[in-house]
C-alpha atoms as a PDB file:
ATOM      1  CA  UNK A   1     -32.891  -1.403 -22.609  1.00  0.00           C
ATOM      2  CA  UNK A   2     -32.150   1.191 -25.522  1.00  0.00           C
ATOM      3  CA  UNK A   3     -31.573   0.203 -28.938  1.00  0.00           C
ATOM      4  CA  UNK A   4     -27.873   1.791 -28.600  1.00  0.00           C
ATOM      5  CA  UNK A   5     -27.449  -0.084 -25.300  1.00  0.00           C
ATOM      6  CA  UNK A   6     -28.374  -3.496 -26.946  1.00  0.00           C
ATOM      7  CA  UNK A   7     -26.025  -2.714 -29.665  1.00  0.00           C
ATOM      8  CA  UNK A   8     -23.204  -1.767 -27.421  1.00  0.00           C
ATOM      9  CA  UNK A   9     -23.695  -5.169 -25.320  1.00  0.00           C
ATOM     10  CA  UNK A  10     -23.646  -7.044 -28.461  1.00  0.00           C
ATOM     11  CA  UNK A  11     -20.288  -5.578 -29.583  1.00  0.00           C
ATOM     12  CA  UNK A  12     -19.058  -5.700 -26.168  1.00  0.00           C
ATOM     13  CA  UNK A  13     -19.643  -9.501 -26.099  1.00  0.00           C
ATOM     14  CA  UNK A  14     -17.430  -9.827 -29.453  1.00  0.00           C
ATOM     15  CA  UNK A  15     -14.211  -8.176 -27.717  1.00  0.00           C
ATOM     16  CA  UNK A  16     -11.505 -10.127 -26.177  1.00  0.00           C
ATOM     17  CA  UNK A  17      -9.801  -9.056 -23.042  1.00  0.00           C
ATOM     18  CA  UNK A  18      -6.292 -10.090 -22.605  1.00  0.00           C
ATOM     19  CA  UNK A  19      -4.913  -9.707 -19.118  1.00  0.00           C
ATOM     20  CA  UNK A  20      -1.632  -8.386 -18.764  1.00  0.00           C
ATOM     21  CA  UNK A  21      -0.812  -7.368 -22.476  1.00  0.00           C
ATOM     22  CA  UNK A  22       1.389  -5.714 -23.449  1.00  0.00           C
ATOM     23  CA  UNK A  23       2.225  -5.003 -19.807  1.00  0.00           C
ATOM     24  CA  UNK A  24       1.465  -6.252 -16.456  1.00  0.00           C
ATOM     25  CA  UNK A  25      -1.720  -4.558 -15.230  1.00  0.00           C
ATOM     26  CA  UNK A  26      -2.821  -4.005 -18.813  1.00  0.00           C
ATOM     27  CA  UNK A  27      -6.390  -5.382 -19.733  1.00  0.00           C
ATOM     28  CA  UNK A  28      -6.005  -5.264 -23.693  1.00  0.00           C
ATOM     29  CA  UNK A  29      -9.289  -4.770 -25.351  1.00  0.00           C
ATOM     30  CA  UNK A  30      -8.831  -7.003 -28.629  1.00  0.00           C
ATOM     31  CA  UNK A  31     -11.498  -5.827 -31.363  1.00  0.00           C
ATOM     32  CA  UNK A  32     -10.132  -9.008 -33.904  1.00  0.00           C
ATOM     33  CA  UNK A  33     -13.184 -11.091 -32.896  1.00  0.00           C
ATOM     34  CA  UNK A  34     -15.205  -8.160 -34.127  1.00  0.00           C
ATOM     35  CA  UNK A  35     -13.754  -8.154 -37.570  1.00  0.00           C
ATOM     36  CA  UNK A  36     -13.608 -12.276 -37.803  1.00  0.00           C
ATOM     37  CA  UNK A  37     -17.396 -12.696 -37.811  1.00  0.00           C
ATOM     38  CA  UNK A  38     -18.969 -11.341 -40.734  1.00  0.00           C
ATOM     39  CA  UNK A  39     -22.322 -10.397 -39.222  1.00  0.00           C
ATOM     40  CA  UNK A  40     -20.955  -8.692 -36.324  1.00  0.00           C
ATOM     41  CA  UNK A  41     -18.544  -6.819 -38.616  1.00  0.00           C
ATOM     42  CA  UNK A  42     -21.366  -5.463 -40.601  1.00  0.00           C
ATOM     43  CA  UNK A  43     -23.124  -4.593 -37.477  1.00  0.00           C
ATOM     44  CA  UNK A  44     -20.203  -2.725 -36.356  1.00  0.00           C
ATOM     45  CA  UNK A  45     -19.849  -0.599 -39.570  1.00  0.00           C
ATOM     46  CA  UNK A  46     -23.421  -0.068 -40.195  1.00  0.00           C
ATOM     47  CA  UNK A  47     -23.546   1.415 -36.633  1.00  0.00           C
ATOM     48  CA  UNK A  48     -20.948   4.060 -37.780  1.00  0.00           C
ATOM     49  CA  UNK A  49     -22.588   4.193 -41.016  1.00  0.00           C
ATOM     50  CA  UNK A  50     -25.739   5.161 -39.567  1.00  0.00           C
ATOM     51  CA  UNK A  51     -24.196   7.613 -37.594  1.00  0.00           C
ATOM     52  CA  UNK A  52     -22.263   9.486 -40.191  1.00  0.00           C
ATOM     53  CA  UNK A  53     -25.011   9.421 -43.010  1.00  0.00           C
ATOM     54  CA  UNK A  54     -26.819  12.567 -41.269  1.00  0.00           C
ATOM     55  CA  UNK A  55     -25.755  15.438 -43.379  1.00  0.00           C
ATOM     56  CA  UNK A  56     -24.752  17.524 -40.423  1.00  0.00           C
ATOM     57  CA  UNK A  57     -22.524  14.483 -39.331  1.00  0.00           C
ATOM     58  CA  UNK A  58     -21.236  13.378 -42.814  1.00  0.00           C
ATOM     59  CA  UNK A  59     -17.643  14.075 -43.340  1.00  0.00           C
ATOM     60  CA  UNK A  60     -15.736  14.856 -46.776  1.00  0.00           C
ATOM     61  CA  UNK A  61     -13.206  12.391 -45.650  1.00  0.00           C
ATOM     62  CA  UNK A  62     -12.162   9.745 -42.979  1.00  0.00           C
ATOM     63  CA  UNK A  63      -9.011   9.700 -41.351  1.00  0.00           C
ATOM     64  CA  UNK A  64      -7.887   6.364 -40.106  1.00  0.00           C
ATOM     65  CA  UNK A  65      -5.481   6.251 -37.374  1.00  0.00           C
ATOM     66  CA  UNK A  66      -2.765   3.436 -37.573  1.00  0.00           C
ATOM     67  CA  UNK A  67      -3.503   0.670 -37.679  1.00  0.00           C
ATOM     68  CA  UNK A  68      -6.873  -0.695 -36.650  1.00  0.00           C
ATOM     69  CA  UNK A  69      -8.414   2.725 -37.678  1.00  0.00           C
ATOM     70  CA  UNK A  70      -7.567   1.603 -41.079  1.00  0.00           C
ATOM     71  CA  UNK A  71      -9.675  -1.447 -40.870  1.00  0.00           C
ATOM     72  CA  UNK A  72     -12.990  -0.031 -39.883  1.00  0.00           C
ATOM     73  CA  UNK A  73     -12.224   3.527 -41.327  1.00  0.00           C
ATOM     74  CA  UNK A  74     -11.600   2.287 -44.883  1.00  0.00           C
ATOM     75  CA  UNK A  75     -14.942   0.335 -45.147  1.00  0.00           C
ATOM     76  CA  UNK A  76     -16.590   3.000 -43.578  1.00  0.00           C
ATOM     77  CA  UNK A  77     -15.417   5.530 -46.256  1.00  0.00           C
ATOM     78  CA  UNK A  78     -16.226   3.099 -49.141  1.00  0.00           C
ATOM     79  CA  UNK A  79     -19.987   2.665 -47.414  1.00  0.00           C
ATOM     80  CA  UNK A  80     -20.244   6.213 -47.390  1.00  0.00           C
ATOM     81  CA  UNK A  81     -18.991   7.073 -50.688  1.00  0.00           C
ATOM     82  CA  UNK A  82     -16.110   9.439 -49.395  1.00  0.00           C
ATOM     83  CA  UNK A  83     -12.300   9.190 -49.415  1.00  0.00           C
ATOM     84  CA  UNK A  84     -10.034   7.634 -46.976  1.00  0.00           C
ATOM     85  CA  UNK A  85      -6.628   8.991 -45.252  1.00  0.00           C
ATOM     86  CA  UNK A  86      -4.345   7.023 -43.496  1.00  0.00           C
ATOM     87  CA  UNK A  87      -2.386   8.779 -40.346  1.00  0.00           C
ATOM     88  CA  UNK A  88       0.586   6.469 -40.028  1.00  0.00           C
ATOM     89  CA  UNK A  89       3.294   5.721 -37.818  1.00  0.00           C
ATOM     90  CA  UNK A  90       6.612   7.830 -38.481  1.00  0.00           C
ATOM     91  CA  UNK A  91       8.234   6.498 -41.546  1.00  0.00           C
ATOM     92  CA  UNK A  92       5.793   4.488 -43.339  1.00  0.00           C
ATOM     93  CA  UNK A  93       4.283   7.159 -45.902  1.00  0.00           C
ATOM     94  CA  UNK A  94       6.407   7.785 -49.103  1.00  0.00           C
ATOM     95  CA  UNK A  95       5.471  11.609 -49.998  1.00  0.00           C
ATOM     96  CA  UNK A  96       5.823  14.859 -48.134  1.00  0.00           C
ATOM     97  CA  UNK A  97       4.495  14.510 -44.663  1.00  0.00           C
ATOM     98  CA  UNK A  98       3.578  16.466 -41.712  1.00  0.00           C
ATOM     99  CA  UNK A  99       4.283  14.965 -38.494  1.00  0.00           C
ATOM    100  CA  UNK A 100       2.975  15.094 -34.768  1.00  0.00           C
ATOM    101  CA  UNK A 101       4.772  13.685 -31.683  1.00  0.00           C
ATOM    102  CA  UNK A 102       2.584  12.647 -28.755  1.00  0.00           C
ATOM    103  CA  UNK A 103       3.114  11.312 -25.290  1.00  0.00           C
ATOM    104  CA  UNK A 104       2.710   7.640 -24.279  1.00  0.00           C
ATOM    105  CA  UNK A 105       3.010   6.072 -20.932  1.00  0.00           C
ATOM    106  CA  UNK A 106       6.135   5.041 -21.448  1.00  0.00           C
ATOM    107  CA  UNK A 107       7.684   7.296 -23.772  1.00  0.00           C
ATOM    108  CA  UNK A 108       6.653   9.054 -27.022  1.00  0.00           C
ATOM    109  CA  UNK A 109       5.491   8.397 -30.638  1.00  0.00           C
ATOM    110  CA  UNK A 110       5.051  10.039 -33.858  1.00  0.00           C
ATOM    111  CA  UNK A 111       2.407  10.001 -36.589  1.00  0.00           C
ATOM    112  CA  UNK A 112       2.370  11.423 -40.054  1.00  0.00           C
ATOM    113  CA  UNK A 113      -0.127  12.512 -42.746  1.00  0.00           C
ATOM    114  CA  UNK A 114       0.639  13.375 -46.585  1.00  0.00           C
ATOM    115  CA  UNK A 115       0.724  16.982 -47.013  1.00  0.00           C
ATOM    116  CA  UNK A 116      -1.723  16.830 -50.017  1.00  0.00           C
ATOM    117  CA  UNK A 117      -4.067  14.315 -47.892  1.00  0.00           C
ATOM    118  CA  UNK A 118      -6.296  17.247 -46.492  1.00  0.00           C
ATOM    119  CA  UNK A 119      -7.535  20.408 -48.330  1.00  0.00           C
ATOM    120  CA  UNK A 120      -8.066  23.530 -46.408  1.00  0.00           C
ATOM    121  CA  UNK A 121     -11.808  23.579 -44.957  1.00  0.00           C
ATOM    122  CA  UNK A 122     -12.205  19.797 -45.552  1.00  0.00           C
ATOM    123  CA  UNK A 123     -14.376  18.068 -42.842  1.00  0.00           C
ATOM    124  CA  UNK A 124     -12.618  15.138 -41.448  1.00  0.00           C
ATOM    125  CA  UNK A 125     -13.856  12.452 -39.247  1.00  0.00           C
ATOM    126  CA  UNK A 126     -10.862  10.678 -37.073  1.00  0.00           C
ATOM    127  CA  UNK A 127     -11.590   6.852 -36.681  1.00  0.00           C
ATOM    128  CA  UNK A 128      -9.590   4.618 -34.510  1.00  0.00           C
ATOM    129  CA  UNK A 129     -10.425   1.305 -32.491  1.00  0.00           C
ATOM    130  CA  UNK A 130     -10.151   3.012 -29.225  1.00  0.00           C
ATOM    131  CA  UNK A 131      -9.575   5.880 -26.952  1.00  0.00           C
ATOM    132  CA  UNK A 132      -7.294   5.082 -24.110  1.00  0.00           C
ATOM    133  CA  UNK A 133      -5.108   8.291 -23.163  1.00  0.00           C
ATOM    134  CA  UNK A 134      -6.318  10.184 -26.466  1.00  0.00           C
ATOM    135  CA  UNK A 135      -2.661  10.846 -27.446  1.00  0.00           C
ATOM    136  CA  UNK A 136      -3.038   9.327 -30.938  1.00  0.00           C
ATOM    137  CA  UNK A 137      -6.442  11.012 -31.862  1.00  0.00           C
ATOM    138  CA  UNK A 138      -5.271  14.281 -30.569  1.00  0.00           C
ATOM    139  CA  UNK A 139      -1.966  14.045 -32.746  1.00  0.00           C
ATOM    140  CA  UNK A 140      -4.113  13.270 -35.767  1.00  0.00           C
ATOM    141  CA  UNK A 141      -6.661  16.078 -35.059  1.00  0.00           C
ATOM    142  CA  UNK A 142      -3.627  18.489 -34.723  1.00  0.00           C
ATOM    143  CA  UNK A 143      -2.271  17.093 -38.046  1.00  0.00           C
ATOM    144  CA  UNK A 144      -5.480  17.623 -39.769  1.00  0.00           C
ATOM    145  CA  UNK A 145      -5.757  21.169 -38.383  1.00  0.00           C
ATOM    146  CA  UNK A 146      -2.292  22.144 -39.558  1.00  0.00           C
ATOM    147  CA  UNK A 147      -3.219  21.185 -43.032  1.00  0.00           C
ATOM    148  CA  UNK A 148      -6.142  23.687 -42.736  1.00  0.00           C
ATOM    149  CA  UNK A 149      -8.544  20.844 -42.301  1.00  0.00           C
ATOM    150  CA  UNK A 150     -11.598  20.609 -39.561  1.00  0.00           C
ATOM    151  CA  UNK A 151     -11.556  17.833 -37.389  1.00  0.00           C
ATOM    152  CA  UNK A 152     -15.677  17.238 -36.879  1.00  0.00           C
ATOM    153  CA  UNK A 153     -15.520  14.218 -34.802  1.00  0.00           C
ATOM    154  CA  UNK A 154     -13.524  11.442 -33.405  1.00  0.00           C
ATOM    155  CA  UNK A 155     -15.077   8.150 -33.796  1.00  0.00           C
ATOM    156  CA  UNK A 156     -14.265   5.069 -31.970  1.00  0.00           C
ATOM    157  CA  UNK A 157     -15.497   1.437 -30.939  1.00  0.00           C
ATOM    158  CA  UNK A 158     -14.435   1.601 -27.462  1.00  0.00           C
ATOM    159  CA  UNK A 159     -13.925   4.177 -24.889  1.00  0.00           C
ATOM    160  CA  UNK A 160     -11.629   3.646 -21.725  1.00  0.00           C
ATOM    161  CA  UNK A 161     -12.898   6.565 -19.563  1.00  0.00           C
ATOM    162  CA  UNK A 162     -10.845   5.777 -16.674  1.00  0.00           C
ATOM    163  CA  UNK A 163      -7.820   6.725 -18.657  1.00  0.00           C
ATOM    164  CA  UNK A 164      -9.223  10.171 -19.245  1.00  0.00           C
ATOM    165  CA  UNK A 165      -8.411  10.367 -23.066  1.00  0.00           C
ATOM    166  CA  UNK A 166     -12.086  10.971 -24.143  1.00  0.00           C
ATOM    167  CA  UNK A 167     -12.385  14.175 -21.454  1.00  0.00           C
ATOM    168  CA  UNK A 168      -9.089  15.525 -22.672  1.00  0.00           C
ATOM    169  CA  UNK A 169     -10.248  15.093 -26.316  1.00  0.00           C
ATOM    170  CA  UNK A 170     -13.700  16.784 -25.555  1.00  0.00           C
ATOM    171  CA  UNK A 171     -11.855  19.408 -23.612  1.00  0.00           C
ATOM    172  CA  UNK A 172      -9.695  20.236 -26.569  1.00  0.00           C
ATOM    173  CA  UNK A 173     -13.146  20.720 -28.641  1.00  0.00           C
ATOM    174  CA  UNK A 174     -13.248  17.330 -30.403  1.00  0.00           C
ATOM    175  CA  UNK A 175     -17.022  15.950 -30.628  1.00  0.00           C
ATOM    176  CA  UNK A 176     -16.776  12.097 -29.920  1.00  0.00           C
ATOM    177  CA  UNK A 177     -18.877   9.240 -31.067  1.00  0.00           C
ATOM    178  CA  UNK A 178     -18.221   5.988 -29.169  1.00  0.00           C
ATOM    179  CA  UNK A 179     -20.009   2.585 -29.427  1.00  0.00           C
ATOM    180  CA  UNK A 180     -19.221   1.199 -26.044  1.00  0.00           C
ATOM    181  CA  UNK A 181     -17.117   1.627 -22.902  1.00  0.00           C
ATOM    182  CA  UNK A 182     -14.807  -0.617 -20.807  1.00  0.00           C
ATOM    183  CA  UNK A 183     -14.043   0.195 -17.368  1.00  0.00           C
ATOM    184  CA  UNK A 184     -10.601  -0.161 -16.264  1.00  0.00           C
ATOM    185  CA  UNK A 185      -7.383  -0.395 -18.396  1.00  0.00           C
END
């Protein structure tokens, strides 16, 4: 077993699956147990820190996607000595914003970013808890690009490959870093 496989299995063993939430047939992957245990939380953060410490991977700023991306993203940014910017759900940011609407399984959602959060040429890593259909991360990538930034990578704890989001993001040119995968929804 490789070190990455061991890490993946260790982290996976601390993710709770909640069946039929928020809708029948959905297997919700709950990361809160990863955050509750200080040792597991440190292992999680260290895995991201080690990845982004390399010069070719190190961003200028971490953009965390609302809301679980804020938790890991802000700690990661602090650990790397770089800034953090939140990409929020519509109506949550108090200053001038740009917004991007994306499709959900049953409707749509809109995320926003402050207009002064990303400077032209800034290298930005997007961070979220998981990739399902990829809509939220794609919207974040588009916001960064609209402000002149470069989305260098999307980073997540969990990929749900059967939902196709990671393939959509890669097809759109976004490099991905994922710590583990779960089969099914």
